[in-house]
Amino acid sequence: MILIKDGYLLDPESGYEGEADILIQGETIKRIFFGGGVEPSMLMVEDLEILDAQGQCVAPGLVDVHVHFREPGFEYKEDISSGAKAAAKGGYTTVVLMANTKPLVDNPETLEYVNAKAKETDIHVRTCAAVSKGFEGKEFTDYEKLLSLGAVGFTDDGMPLMDENFLYQAMEKIAKLQVPISLHEENPRLISENGINAGKAAAYFQIKGSPKEAEISMVKRDVELAKKTGAVLNVQHISCKETVEIIRQAKEQGYDNIHAEATPHHFTLNEEAVIEWAAMAKMNPPLREEEDRKAIIEGLKDGTIEIIATDHAPHSKEEKEREITKAPSGILGLETALALGLGELVEKNGMSLLDLIERMSYFPAKMYGLEAGYVKEGGPADLVIFDPNELWRVEKFLSKSQNSPFLGKMMLGKVKTTICKGKIIYQDKEE
């Protein structure tokens, strides 16, 4: 058994925050001693491991519903094992994989392969399956079959679904299954070179880049389709102020089936970062203007954007060193997300700790119907313990890849311990 002693508990489900001691038995939380102060000798437990969490926060294990672990097909970038280790270091105990592997997760065989590899890790690794066969937007996958085999939702992430009629029918089918459809919202017909904002950044590299309208037009269309079908829509990695407002209006109209996620890089950086770091800060959708970054922060603060998801996208050093128009888009996210949230949202912009944890655990878990994102007796012993005030430098990632503009940067807030299924799966050993 494990006793977490003298920690500051943050539970987004109940809204409780305050001192608490937590007793873990097996894979579940046996007791929560609100107010703390329990004496270990009073518990009459042999072989009790005590974790001193004084001065630290204890929260539900983080939940990331948008990650790329690259297996099968691109294991040189990342595999399910290395991705899970990176997640644990970042405080994540549950992740949801995207389907753009090779082969795609558009068939039972690949899904079963991914699920088998997932079981070998220390965290909860779940996966989406494809909306369309071959990501071609022409033929539906077998939604019921894939769901029965363990898929938790559907996405053609990386390939926008351009056929409106096809997407409408897909939403109708997926709505009946009551799982999310997560959409990558960029119209390729409007984009000259993806990954770089059509503005100051594109002008610097003497290209046309990717305009906001590529995202705005798709989000407008798909929000209307979600209103008509009742599908649980997740607008992925939102990047501009206009799409934040589209989501806000839909929520104000009472459409609680419409959700949006924001990445740490989109609420931390703007297009200036691409000028500074070139391909290391290239991603789809691209980093946009400062007013867009601020709008995303406001959307996160007021609950318009309910989910923080990393879009963890590993690439090799050689790939990222290509010239900017040929380098792949995407950066790492799992090992820096909590610190970026603490530094940018809490410290600089006044978001509460509880709201941050809610958007990084409870809300994403709730959208996918996962048993995660909360702390209560009898609940899963999936927890993160972190010091919100510790300064540290990003030296090296556990991920196989190292593609991040945050490498070498100072961060505020550090994960100290990650517990999943009642076992300590990561501890910060630095003095």
Foldseek 3Di string as FASTA:
>chain_A
DEKEAFAFEFFLVVRDTGTWIWDDDFFFTADIGGPGDDDPVVVPDPPYHYHYQHLWYKFWQFEFAAEAQQPPPPPLQHHLALVLLLLQQLRHQYYEYEQPHVVGQLDLVRQLVNVVVQVPYQGHYAYAHEQAVVLPLPHGGPVVVSVVSGHLYYESPPRANDDLVSVLVSQLVQQVVLGEYEGQQFAVVQADFAQAEQDPLCVVVVHRGGYPCRRLVRLVSVLVSCVVRVGQYEYEADAFLNSLVVLVVSVVVPSPSYAYEHELCRLQDANVVCVVQPLLQGAVHYHHDPNGSVSVLVSLQVVSHQAYHHNADGDAPVLSPDHRRRRDHHHGGSNCRVQSCLVRNCVPPNRDPNSSLRRRKVVVCVNSVHQTRGHDRVGGPWMWMKNQADKDAQDQGSGSHDRHPRHGPITGMGTAWTAGSRHTPDGDPDD
